[in-house]
C-alpha cells in the first residue's frame, strides 16, 4: 500500500472515531436524567474514544506519538 494512502486512511479513521463518539454522546444524552448527563456522557464517550484509538494504534494505523497526543486532547490534559 502506498504511504500516502495509509496516512489518508489513518486520518479518515481518526475523524470517523471523533464523529462516532460525538454521535454517541448525543444519543446517550437523550436517554438519561439531566443531572447525570454531563458526567456519565463525558466518561463513557471518553472511554469509547480511547478504546477506538487504542485499536487504531494496535493495528499500526496510529503511531505512539499520535496516540499520546490524541489521548491528552480527549482527557483535557
PDB file of N, CA and C in Angstrom:
ATOM      1  N   UNK A   1       0.834  -1.171   0.000  1.00  0.00           N
ATOM      2  CA  UNK A   1       0.000   0.000   0.000  1.00  0.00           C
ATOM      3  C   UNK A   1       0.889   1.250   0.000  1.00  0.00           C
ATOM      4  N   UNK A   2       0.599   2.229  -0.821  1.00  0.00           N
ATOM      5  CA  UNK A   2       1.386   3.461  -0.829  1.00  0.00           C
ATOM      6  C   UNK A   2       1.273   4.188   0.506  1.00  0.00           C
ATOM      7  N   UNK A   3       2.341   4.872   0.882  1.00  0.00           N
ATOM      8  CA  UNK A   3       2.376   5.572   2.170  1.00  0.00           C
ATOM      9  C   UNK A   3       1.288   6.638   2.254  1.00  0.00           C
ATOM     10  N   UNK A   4       1.024   7.352   1.174  1.00  0.00           N
ATOM     11  CA  UNK A   4       0.001   8.396   1.182  1.00  0.00           C
ATOM     12  C   UNK A   4      -1.388   7.838   1.431  1.00  0.00           C
ATOM     13  N   UNK A   5      -1.657   6.655   0.883  1.00  0.00           N
ATOM     14  CA  UNK A   5      -2.954   6.015   1.098  1.00  0.00           C
ATOM     15  C   UNK A   5      -3.130   5.649   2.564  1.00  0.00           C
ATOM     16  N   UNK A   6      -2.087   5.084   3.141  1.00  0.00           N
ATOM     17  CA  UNK A   6      -2.163   4.652   4.539  1.00  0.00           C
ATOM     18  C   UNK A   6      -2.357   5.862   5.459  1.00  0.00           C
ATOM     19  N   UNK A   7      -1.640   6.939   5.201  1.00  0.00           N
ATOM     20  CA  UNK A   7      -1.754   8.150   6.007  1.00  0.00           C
ATOM     21  C   UNK A   7      -3.157   8.736   5.884  1.00  0.00           C
ATOM     22  N   UNK A   8      -3.694   8.761   4.670  1.00  0.00           N
ATOM     23  CA  UNK A   8      -5.038   9.282   4.463  1.00  0.00           C
ATOM     24  C   UNK A   8      -6.093   8.419   5.134  1.00  0.00           C
ATOM     25  N   UNK A   9      -5.895   7.118   5.082  1.00  0.00           N
ATOM     26  CA  UNK A   9      -6.832   6.187   5.728  1.00  0.00           C
ATOM     27  C   UNK A   9      -6.806   6.385   7.240  1.00  0.00           C
ATOM     28  N   UNK A  10      -5.594   6.570   7.775  1.00  0.00           N
ATOM     29  CA  UNK A  10      -5.448   6.771   9.218  1.00  0.00           C
ATOM     30  C   UNK A  10      -6.193   8.027   9.651  1.00  0.00           C
ATOM     31  N   UNK A  11      -6.000   9.110   8.913  1.00  0.00           N
ATOM     32  CA  UNK A  11      -6.690  10.358   9.259  1.00  0.00           C
ATOM     33  C   UNK A  11      -8.200  10.196   9.148  1.00  0.00           C
ATOM     34  N   UNK A  12      -8.634   9.464   8.138  1.00  0.00           N
ATOM     35  CA  UNK A  12     -10.062   9.214   7.983  1.00  0.00           C
ATOM     36  C   UNK A  12     -10.626   8.434   9.156  1.00  0.00           C
ATOM     37  N   UNK A  13      -9.865   7.466   9.638  1.00  0.00           N
ATOM     38  CA  UNK A  13     -10.314   6.679  10.782  1.00  0.00           C
ATOM     39  C   UNK A  13     -10.365   7.522  12.049  1.00  0.00           C
ATOM     40  N   UNK A  14      -9.407   8.411  12.213  1.00  0.00           N
ATOM     41  CA  UNK A  14      -9.397   9.288  13.392  1.00  0.00           C
ATOM     42  C   UNK A  14     -10.612  10.203  13.364  1.00  0.00           C
ATOM     43  N   UNK A  15     -10.873  10.791  12.209  1.00  0.00           N
ATOM     44  CA  UNK A  15     -12.028  11.679  12.079  1.00  0.00           C
ATOM     45  C   UNK A  15     -13.310  10.880  12.294  1.00  0.00           C
ATOM     46  N   UNK A  16     -13.368   9.688  11.737  1.00  0.00           N
ATOM     47  CA  UNK A  16     -14.544   8.835  11.924  1.00  0.00           C
ATOM     48  C   UNK A  16     -14.768   8.496  13.384  1.00  0.00           C
ATOM     49  N   UNK A  17     -13.686   8.213  14.099  1.00  0.00           N
ATOM     50  CA  UNK A  17     -13.806   7.912  15.528  1.00  0.00           C
ATOM     51  C   UNK A  17     -14.331   9.118  16.287  1.00  0.00           C
ATOM     52  N   UNK A  18     -13.847  10.299  15.943  1.00  0.00           N
ATOM     53  CA  UNK A  18     -14.293  11.514  16.616  1.00  0.00           C
ATOM     54  C   UNK A  18     -15.768  11.779  16.328  1.00  0.00           C
ATOM     55  N   UNK A  19     -16.175  11.594  15.090  1.00  0.00           N
ATOM     56  CA  UNK A  19     -17.575  11.810  14.719  1.00  0.00           C
ATOM     57  C   UNK A  19     -18.458  10.779  15.412  1.00  0.00           C
ATOM     58  N   UNK A  20     -18.000   9.533  15.445  1.00  0.00           N
ATOM     59  CA  UNK A  20     -18.776   8.479  16.105  1.00  0.00           C
ATOM     60  C   UNK A  20     -18.945   8.735  17.586  1.00  0.00           C
ATOM     61  N   UNK A  21     -17.892   9.198  18.231  1.00  0.00           N
ATOM     62  CA  UNK A  21     -18.006   9.464  19.662  1.00  0.00           C
ATOM     63  C   UNK A  21     -18.928  10.648  19.934  1.00  0.00           C
ATOM     64  N   UNK A  22     -18.915  11.634  19.050  1.00  0.00           N
ATOM     65  CA  UNK A  22     -19.826  12.772  19.211  1.00  0.00           C
ATOM     66  C   UNK A  22     -21.278  12.313  19.056  1.00  0.00           C
ATOM     67  N   UNK A  23     -21.519  11.430  18.106  1.00  0.00           N
ATOM     68  CA  UNK A  23     -22.870  10.898  17.914  1.00  0.00           C
ATOM     69  C   UNK A  23     -23.296  10.071  19.120  1.00  0.00           C
ATOM     70  N   UNK A  24     -22.374   9.309  19.684  1.00  0.00           N
ATOM     71  CA  UNK A  24     -22.680   8.515  20.872  1.00  0.00           C
ATOM     72  C   UNK A  24     -23.029   9.416  22.044  1.00  0.00           C
ATOM     73  N   UNK A  25     -22.297  10.514  22.189  1.00  0.00           N
ATOM     74  CA  UNK A  25     -22.603  11.455  23.275  1.00  0.00           C
ATOM     75  C   UNK A  25     -24.003  12.025  23.114  1.00  0.00           C
ATOM     76  N   UNK A  26     -24.390  12.372  21.889  1.00  0.00           N
ATOM     77  CA  UNK A  26     -25.734  12.915  21.664  1.00  0.00           C
ATOM     78  C   UNK A  26     -26.793  11.876  21.953  1.00  0.00           C
ATOM     79  N   UNK A  27     -26.555  10.632  21.543  1.00  0.00           N
ATOM     80  CA  UNK A  27     -27.527   9.568  21.775  1.00  0.00           C
ATOM     81  C   UNK A  27     -27.703   9.261  23.249  1.00  0.00           C
ATOM     82  N   UNK A  28     -26.634   9.244  23.999  1.00  0.00           N
ATOM     83  CA  UNK A  28     -26.717   8.965  25.424  1.00  0.00           C
ATOM     84  C   UNK A  28     -27.352  10.121  26.176  1.00  0.00           C
ATOM     85  N   UNK A  29     -27.126  11.317  25.723  1.00  0.00           N
ATOM     86  CA  UNK A  29     -27.655  12.488  26.416  1.00  0.00           C
ATOM     87  C   UNK A  29     -29.172  12.495  26.416  1.00  0.00           C
ATOM     88  N   UNK A  30     -29.784  11.904  25.405  1.00  0.00           N
ATOM     89  CA  UNK A  30     -31.239  11.906  25.309  1.00  0.00           C
ATOM     90  C   UNK A  30     -31.902  10.869  26.206  1.00  0.00           C
ATOM     91  N   UNK A  31     -31.152   9.905  26.728  1.00  0.00           N
ATOM     92  CA  UNK A  31     -31.770   8.804  27.462  1.00  0.00           C
ATOM     93  C   UNK A  31     -31.527   8.846  28.966  1.00  0.00           C
ATOM     94  N   UNK A  32     -30.875   9.870  29.506  1.00  0.00           N
ATOM     95  CA  UNK A  32     -30.558   9.926  30.926  1.00  0.00           C
ATOM     96  C   UNK A  32     -31.122  11.180  31.562  1.00  0.00           C
ATOM     97  N   UNK A  33     -31.356  11.122  32.886  1.00  0.00           N
ATOM     98  CA  UNK A  33     -31.808  12.330  33.581  1.00  0.00           C
ATOM     99  C   UNK A  33     -30.784  13.455  33.437  1.00  0.00           C
ATOM    100  N   UNK A  34     -31.254  14.677  33.455  1.00  0.00           N
ATOM    101  CA  UNK A  34     -30.404  15.836  33.195  1.00  0.00           C
ATOM    102  C   UNK A  34     -29.220  15.939  34.147  1.00  0.00           C
ATOM    103  N   UNK A  35     -29.416  15.711  35.437  1.00  0.00           N
ATOM    104  CA  UNK A  35     -28.329  15.899  36.394  1.00  0.00           C
ATOM    105  C   UNK A  35     -27.203  14.877  36.225  1.00  0.00           C
ATOM    106  N   UNK A  36     -27.481  13.709  35.657  1.00  0.00           N
ATOM    107  CA  UNK A  36     -26.461  12.681  35.468  1.00  0.00           C
ATOM    108  C   UNK A  36     -25.810  12.736  34.094  1.00  0.00           C
ATOM    109  N   UNK A  37     -26.335  13.539  33.216  1.00  0.00           N
ATOM    110  CA  UNK A  37     -25.899  13.517  31.826  1.00  0.00           C
ATOM    111  C   UNK A  37     -24.443  13.889  31.626  1.00  0.00           C
ATOM    112  N   UNK A  38     -24.019  15.025  32.124  1.00  0.00           N
ATOM    113  CA  UNK A  38     -22.696  15.526  31.749  1.00  0.00           C
ATOM    114  C   UNK A  38     -21.573  14.617  32.223  1.00  0.00           C
ATOM    115  N   UNK A  39     -21.595  14.138  33.442  1.00  0.00           N
ATOM    116  CA  UNK A  39     -20.505  13.299  33.956  1.00  0.00           C
ATOM    117  C   UNK A  39     -20.463  11.945  33.266  1.00  0.00           C
ATOM    118  N   UNK A  40     -21.597  11.274  33.169  1.00  0.00           N
ATOM    119  CA  UNK A  40     -21.587   9.931  32.593  1.00  0.00           C
ATOM    120  C   UNK A  40     -21.378   9.956  31.087  1.00  0.00           C
ATOM    121  N   UNK A  41     -21.916  10.957  30.404  1.00  0.00           N
ATOM    122  CA  UNK A  41     -21.719  11.066  28.957  1.00  0.00           C
ATOM    123  C   UNK A  41     -20.250  11.333  28.665  1.00  0.00           C
ATOM    124  N   UNK A  42     -19.650  12.253  29.406  1.00  0.00           N
ATOM    125  CA  UNK A  42     -18.244  12.563  29.196  1.00  0.00           C
ATOM    126  C   UNK A  42     -17.372  11.345  29.453  1.00  0.00           C
ATOM    127  N   UNK A  43     -17.610  10.653  30.562  1.00  0.00           N
ATOM    128  CA  UNK A  43     -16.792   9.495  30.913  1.00  0.00           C
ATOM    129  C   UNK A  43     -16.929   8.365  29.899  1.00  0.00           C
ATOM    130  N   UNK A  44     -18.157   8.014  29.556  1.00  0.00           N
ATOM    131  CA  UNK A  44     -18.352   6.892  28.634  1.00  0.00           C
ATOM    132  C   UNK A  44     -17.890   7.247  27.219  1.00  0.00           C
ATOM    133  N   UNK A  45     -18.087   8.494  26.817  1.00  0.00           N
ATOM    134  CA  UNK A  45     -17.639   8.912  25.489  1.00  0.00           C
ATOM    135  C   UNK A  45     -16.112   8.924  25.426  1.00  0.00           C
ATOM    136  N   UNK A  46     -15.482   9.401  26.489  1.00  0.00           N
ATOM    137  CA  UNK A  46     -14.018   9.406  26.534  1.00  0.00           C
ATOM    138  C   UNK A  46     -13.479   7.984  26.495  1.00  0.00           C
ATOM    139  N   UNK A  47     -14.091   7.103  27.265  1.00  0.00           N
ATOM    140  CA  UNK A  47     -13.641   5.714  27.297  1.00  0.00           C
ATOM    141  C   UNK A  47     -13.785   5.067  25.918  1.00  0.00           C
ATOM    142  N   UNK A  48     -14.915   5.282  25.272  1.00  0.00           N
ATOM    143  CA  UNK A  48     -15.137   4.716  23.942  1.00  0.00           C
ATOM    144  C   UNK A  48     -14.122   5.246  22.935  1.00  0.00           C
ATOM    145  N   UNK A  49     -13.857   6.532  23.021  1.00  0.00           N
ATOM    146  CA  UNK A  49     -12.907   7.144  22.091  1.00  0.00           C
ATOM    147  C   UNK A  49     -11.484   6.630  22.342  1.00  0.00           C
ATOM    148  N   UNK A  50     -11.118   6.491  23.612  1.00  0.00           N
ATOM    149  CA  UNK A  50      -9.792   5.961  23.940  1.00  0.00           C
ATOM    150  C   UNK A  50      -9.649   4.503  23.495  1.00  0.00           C
ATOM    151  N   UNK A  51     -10.709   3.724  23.649  1.00  0.00           N
ATOM    152  CA  UNK A  51     -10.670   2.331  23.188  1.00  0.00           C
ATOM    153  C   UNK A  51     -10.479   2.270  21.672  1.00  0.00           C
ATOM    154  N   UNK A  52     -11.188   3.124  20.957  1.00  0.00           N
ATOM    155  CA  UNK A  52     -11.057   3.159  19.498  1.00  0.00           C
ATOM    156  C   UNK A  52      -9.645   3.557  19.095  1.00  0.00           C
ATOM    157  N   UNK A  53      -9.086   4.559  19.772  1.00  0.00           N
ATOM    158  CA  UNK A  53      -7.723   4.979  19.466  1.00  0.00           C
ATOM    159  C   UNK A  53      -6.728   3.859  19.760  1.00  0.00           C
ATOM    160  N   UNK A  54      -6.943   3.131  20.852  1.00  0.00           N
ATOM    161  CA  UNK A  54      -6.073   2.007  21.186  1.00  0.00           C
ATOM    162  C   UNK A  54      -6.100   0.940  20.102  1.00  0.00           C
ATOM    163  N   UNK A  55      -7.278   0.678  19.568  1.00  0.00           N
ATOM    164  CA  UNK A  55      -7.392  -0.300  18.479  1.00  0.00           C
ATOM    165  C   UNK A  55      -6.638   0.177  17.239  1.00  0.00           C
ATOM    166  N   UNK A  56      -6.770   1.463  16.924  1.00  0.00           N
ATOM    167  CA  UNK A  56      -6.069   2.008  15.766  1.00  0.00           C
ATOM    168  C   UNK A  56      -4.554   1.916  15.950  1.00  0.00           C
ATOM    169  N   UNK A  57      -4.103   2.172  17.178  1.00  0.00           N
ATOM    170  CA  UNK A  57      -2.668   2.072  17.467  1.00  0.00           C
ATOM    171  C   UNK A  57      -2.203   0.621  17.355  1.00  0.00           C
ATOM    172  N   UNK A  58      -3.002  -0.310  17.900  1.00  0.00           N
ATOM    173  CA  UNK A  58      -2.655  -1.734  17.836  1.00  0.00           C
ATOM    174  C   UNK A  58      -2.596  -2.239  16.400  1.00  0.00           C
ATOM    175  N   UNK A  59      -3.436  -1.679  15.538  1.00  0.00           N
ATOM    176  CA  UNK A  59      -3.450  -2.077  14.130  1.00  0.00           C
ATOM    177  C   UNK A  59      -2.327  -1.407  13.334  1.00  0.00           C
ATOM    178  N   UNK A  60      -1.587  -0.530  13.984  1.00  0.00           N
ATOM    179  CA  UNK A  60      -0.477   0.142  13.316  1.00  0.00           C
ATOM    180  C   UNK A  60      -0.883   1.345  12.501  1.00  0.00           C
ATOM    181  N   UNK A  61      -2.114   1.822  12.694  1.00  0.00           N
ATOM    182  CA  UNK A  61      -2.594   2.973  11.935  1.00  0.00           C
ATOM    183  C   UNK A  61      -2.280   4.293  12.619  1.00  0.00           C
ATOM    184  N   UNK A  62      -1.934   4.230  13.907  1.00  0.00           N
ATOM    185  CA  UNK A  62      -1.502   5.404  14.645  1.00  0.00           C
ATOM    186  C   UNK A  62      -0.137   5.128  15.260  1.00  0.00           C
ATOM    187  N   UNK A  63       0.704   6.138  15.267  1.00  0.00           N
ATOM    188  CA  UNK A  63       1.980   5.992  15.956  1.00  0.00           C
ATOM    189  C   UNK A  63       1.752   6.235  17.447  1.00  0.00           C
ATOM    190  N   UNK A  64       2.737   5.871  18.253  1.00  0.00           N
ATOM    191  CA  UNK A  64       2.637   6.103  19.697  1.00  0.00           C
ATOM    192  C   UNK A  64       2.481   7.595  19.992  1.00  0.00           C
ATOM    193  N   UNK A  65       3.214   8.437  19.269  1.00  0.00           N
ATOM    194  CA  UNK A  65       3.120   9.885  19.475  1.00  0.00           C
ATOM    195  C   UNK A  65       1.726  10.413  19.134  1.00  0.00           C
ATOM    196  N   UNK A  66       1.155   9.940  18.015  1.00  0.00           N
ATOM    197  CA  UNK A  66      -0.193  10.361  17.633  1.00  0.00           C
ATOM    198  C   UNK A  66      -1.213   9.913  18.684  1.00  0.00           C
ATOM    199  N   UNK A  67      -1.050   8.686  19.153  1.00  0.00           N
ATOM    200  CA  UNK A  67      -1.952   8.149  20.173  1.00  0.00           C
ATOM    201  C   UNK A  67      -1.883   8.992  21.446  1.00  0.00           C
ATOM    202  N   UNK A  68      -0.672   9.278  21.911  1.00  0.00           N
ATOM    203  CA  UNK A  68      -0.500  10.038  23.149  1.00  0.00           C
ATOM    204  C   UNK A  68      -1.057  11.458  23.016  1.00  0.00           C
ATOM    205  N   UNK A  69      -0.844  12.086  21.869  1.00  0.00           N
ATOM    206  CA  UNK A  69      -1.344  13.441  21.652  1.00  0.00           C
ATOM    207  C   UNK A  69      -2.875  13.471  21.688  1.00  0.00           C
ATOM    208  N   UNK A  70      -3.502  12.526  21.007  1.00  0.00           N
ATOM    209  CA  UNK A  70      -4.957  12.478  20.974  1.00  0.00           C
ATOM    210  C   UNK A  70      -5.522  12.112  22.342  1.00  0.00           C
ATOM    211  N   UNK A  71      -4.836  11.219  23.056  1.00  0.00           N
ATOM    212  CA  UNK A  71      -5.272  10.833  24.398  1.00  0.00           C
ATOM    213  C   UNK A  71      -5.273  12.051  25.336  1.00  0.00           C
ATOM    214  N   UNK A  72      -4.216  12.849  25.260  1.00  0.00           N
ATOM    215  CA  UNK A  72      -4.159  14.057  26.089  1.00  0.00           C
ATOM    216  C   UNK A  72      -5.283  15.023  25.732  1.00  0.00           C
ATOM    217  N   UNK A  73      -5.570  15.126  24.445  1.00  0.00           N
ATOM    218  CA  UNK A  73      -6.645  16.007  23.998  1.00  0.00           C
ATOM    219  C   UNK A  73      -7.991  15.534  24.548  1.00  0.00           C
ATOM    220  N   UNK A  74      -8.243  14.242  24.465  1.00  0.00           N
ATOM    221  CA  UNK A  74      -9.506  13.677  24.930  1.00  0.00           C
ATOM    222  C   UNK A  74      -9.678  13.877  26.434  1.00  0.00           C
ATOM    223  N   UNK A  75      -8.593  13.654  27.168  1.00  0.00           N
ATOM    224  CA  UNK A  75      -8.657  13.747  28.620  1.00  0.00           C
ATOM    225  C   UNK A  75      -8.511  15.180  29.129  1.00  0.00           C
ATOM    226  N   UNK A  76      -8.228  16.113  28.227  1.00  0.00           N
ATOM    227  CA  UNK A  76      -8.106  17.515  28.597  1.00  0.00           C
ATOM    228  C   UNK A  76      -6.856  17.817  29.393  1.00  0.00           C
ATOM    229  N   UNK A  77      -5.786  17.084  29.096  1.00  0.00           N
ATOM    230  CA  UNK A  77      -4.531  17.297  29.815  1.00  0.00           C
ATOM    231  C   UNK A  77      -3.621  18.233  29.070  1.00  0.00           C
TER     232      UNK A  77
END
